[in-house]
Amino acid sequence: PSTAVVADFGCGDCKIARSVSNKVHSFDLVALNEHVTVCDMANVPLHAESVDIVVFCLALMGTNLLDFLTEANRVLRQGGILKIAEVASRFEDVRSFTSVLGSLGFKLISKDTENSYFYLFDFRKSGSHVEKGKLPRLQLKPCLYKKR
């Protein structure tokens, strides 16, 4: 719905904010335009449980991606939606990935792994965030770019 508040983690050039009428908080390490809030995605300047949707679109690139995901849990309202779009070649074990997200307080709603280039996941916040000292291990493979 147009009343949903969105947080775009790793927003790049703010395509989401420019495409919808919703209130969108756009975060990245570098500001490509005036709409970007520059910050570490492990510590965004939002209040706890203040957004309805968090998006990671090709943005789980850091070595501390678990910190990014626990921060997403912190800012999402209970029942809020976490949307992840990521390069397919980065996943070694999709089931393990979704299981770790489950332990971070997210319930898998849908996944699309049919595309050979990109995987899409929707999760619903179903629990509180995990304390940083108790995080499970999660690592995605480096993104491989191939000349076509």
Protein backbone atom coordinates (compact mmCIF):
# COMPACT_ATOMS: atom_id res chain seq x y z
CA PRO A 1 0.00 0.00 0.00
CA SER A 2 1.07 3.59 -0.61
CA THR A 3 1.03 4.22 3.15
CA ALA A 4 3.79 1.65 3.78
CA VAL A 5 7.10 3.14 4.88
CA VAL A 6 10.08 1.62 3.04
CA ALA A 7 13.78 1.40 3.97
CA ASP A 8 16.06 0.74 0.98
CA PHE A 9 19.35 -0.65 2.26
CA GLY A 10 22.10 -0.20 -0.32
CA CYS A 11 19.92 2.08 -2.43
CA GLY A 12 22.47 3.10 -5.08
CA ASP A 13 20.80 5.87 -7.11
CA CYS A 14 17.47 5.66 -5.20
CA LYS A 15 15.47 3.99 -7.96
CA ILE A 16 12.86 2.77 -5.47
CA ALA A 17 12.38 6.23 -3.96
CA ARG A 18 12.02 7.70 -7.45
CA SER A 19 9.53 5.02 -8.53
CA VAL A 20 6.91 4.94 -5.76
CA SER A 21 4.78 7.44 -3.87
CA ASN A 22 5.61 5.82 -0.50
CA LYS A 23 7.88 7.39 2.09
CA VAL A 24 11.27 5.77 1.32
CA HIS A 25 14.40 6.01 3.48
CA SER A 26 17.39 5.44 1.17
CA PHE A 27 20.69 4.28 2.71
CA ASP A 28 24.11 3.63 1.20
CA LEU A 29 27.82 4.09 1.92
CA VAL A 30 28.10 6.76 -0.80
CA ALA A 31 25.58 9.40 -1.82
CA LEU A 32 24.93 9.28 -5.55
CA ASN A 33 22.32 11.99 -5.11
CA GLU A 34 20.74 14.22 -2.45
CA HIS A 35 18.14 11.59 -1.46
CA VAL A 36 20.72 9.14 -0.05
CA THR A 37 21.46 9.02 3.66
CA VAL A 38 25.11 8.00 3.97
CA CYS A 39 25.63 5.42 6.70
CA ASP A 40 26.76 1.94 7.62
CA MET A 41 23.78 -0.32 6.89
CA ALA A 42 24.48 -2.09 10.18
CA ASN A 43 23.46 1.11 11.98
CA VAL A 44 20.86 3.16 10.11
CA PRO A 45 19.38 6.33 11.65
CA LEU A 46 15.84 5.00 12.14
CA HIS A 47 13.85 4.22 15.27
CA ALA A 48 13.10 0.60 16.15
CA GLU A 49 9.99 -0.81 14.46
CA SER A 50 9.51 2.30 12.31
CA VAL A 51 9.18 0.84 8.79
CA ASP A 52 6.87 -1.60 7.03
CA ILE A 53 9.20 -2.87 4.28
CA VAL A 54 12.97 -3.30 4.09
CA VAL A 55 14.60 -3.90 0.71
CA PHE A 56 18.06 -5.30 -0.06
CA CYS A 57 18.46 -5.25 -3.84
CA LEU A 58 21.92 -6.52 -4.75
CA ALA A 59 23.05 -5.01 -1.44
CA LEU A 60 24.27 -7.93 0.71
CA MET A 61 27.86 -7.29 -0.32
CA GLY A 62 29.51 -6.53 3.01
CA THR A 63 31.40 -9.06 5.08
CA ASN A 64 29.09 -8.11 7.97
CA LEU A 65 25.84 -8.90 6.15
CA LEU A 66 24.43 -10.49 9.32
CA ASP A 67 24.71 -7.09 10.97
CA PHE A 68 22.74 -5.60 8.05
CA LEU A 69 20.00 -8.20 8.48
CA THR A 70 19.74 -7.76 12.26
CA GLU A 71 19.46 -4.02 11.67
CA ALA A 72 16.64 -4.71 9.21
CA ASN A 73 14.88 -6.69 11.94
CA ARG A 74 15.37 -3.83 14.41
CA VAL A 75 13.76 -1.19 12.17
CA LEU A 76 10.94 -3.39 10.79
CA ARG A 77 7.58 -3.38 12.52
CA GLN A 78 6.31 -6.77 13.70
CA GLY A 79 4.78 -8.42 10.63
CA GLY A 80 6.81 -6.17 8.31
CA ILE A 81 8.24 -7.45 5.03
CA LEU A 82 11.91 -8.05 4.19
CA LYS A 83 12.56 -8.24 0.43
CA ILE A 84 15.89 -9.56 -0.85
CA ALA A 85 17.04 -9.71 -4.48
CA GLU A 86 20.52 -11.13 -4.96
CA VAL A 87 22.73 -12.62 -7.67
CA ALA A 88 22.02 -16.37 -7.93
CA SER A 89 25.68 -17.38 -8.20
CA ARG A 90 26.33 -16.05 -4.67
CA PHE A 91 24.22 -18.81 -3.06
CA GLU A 92 25.80 -22.12 -2.20
CA ASP A 93 22.81 -23.40 -0.22
CA VAL A 94 19.48 -21.54 -0.40
CA ARG A 95 17.94 -23.68 2.34
CA SER A 96 20.77 -22.75 4.71
CA PHE A 97 20.31 -19.06 3.82
CA THR A 98 16.57 -19.12 4.56
CA SER A 99 17.21 -21.09 7.76
CA VAL A 100 19.65 -18.46 9.04
CA LEU A 101 17.11 -15.75 8.23
CA GLY A 102 14.60 -17.76 10.26
CA SER A 103 16.93 -17.69 13.24
CA LEU A 104 17.19 -13.91 12.82
CA GLY A 105 13.43 -13.53 13.30
CA PHE A 106 12.18 -13.76 9.70
CA LYS A 107 9.68 -16.26 8.28
CA LEU A 108 10.00 -17.12 4.59
CA ILE A 109 6.86 -16.10 2.68
CA SER A 110 8.05 -16.71 -0.87
CA LYS A 111 11.15 -17.37 -2.91
CA ASP A 112 11.84 -17.36 -6.62
CA THR A 113 14.97 -19.27 -7.54
CA GLU A 114 13.86 -20.14 -11.09
CA ASN A 115 15.82 -17.31 -12.71
CA SER A 116 19.41 -18.32 -13.39
CA TYR A 117 20.74 -14.82 -12.67
CA PHE A 118 18.79 -13.47 -9.69
CA TYR A 119 17.03 -14.98 -6.67
CA LEU A 120 14.15 -13.17 -4.98
CA PHE A 121 13.01 -13.72 -1.38
CA ASP A 122 10.19 -12.28 0.72
CA PHE A 123 10.24 -12.75 4.50
CA ARG A 124 7.88 -11.54 7.23
CA LYS A 125 9.27 -10.33 10.53
CA SER A 126 8.07 -12.89 13.04
CA GLY A 127 10.39 -12.32 15.98
CA SER A 128 12.83 -9.99 17.68
CA HIS A 129 16.32 -9.38 16.44
CA VAL A 130 19.12 -11.56 17.74
CA GLU A 131 21.81 -10.04 19.92
CA LYS A 132 25.01 -9.51 17.97
CA GLY A 133 27.07 -11.89 20.11
CA LYS A 134 24.68 -14.77 19.33
CA LEU A 135 24.49 -14.46 15.54
CA PRO A 136 24.66 -17.60 13.39
CA ARG A 137 27.19 -17.81 10.58
CA LEU A 138 26.14 -16.56 7.15
CA GLN A 139 28.29 -15.96 4.13
CA LEU A 140 27.47 -15.53 0.46
CA LYS A 141 29.97 -16.27 -2.27
CA PRO A 142 31.65 -13.34 -4.02
CA CYS A 143 29.76 -12.01 -6.99
CA LEU A 144 31.31 -13.27 -10.23
CA TYR A 145 30.93 -11.07 -13.26
CA LYS A 146 31.19 -12.77 -16.62
CA LYS A 147 31.76 -11.08 -19.93
CA ARG A 148 28.82 -11.87 -22.19
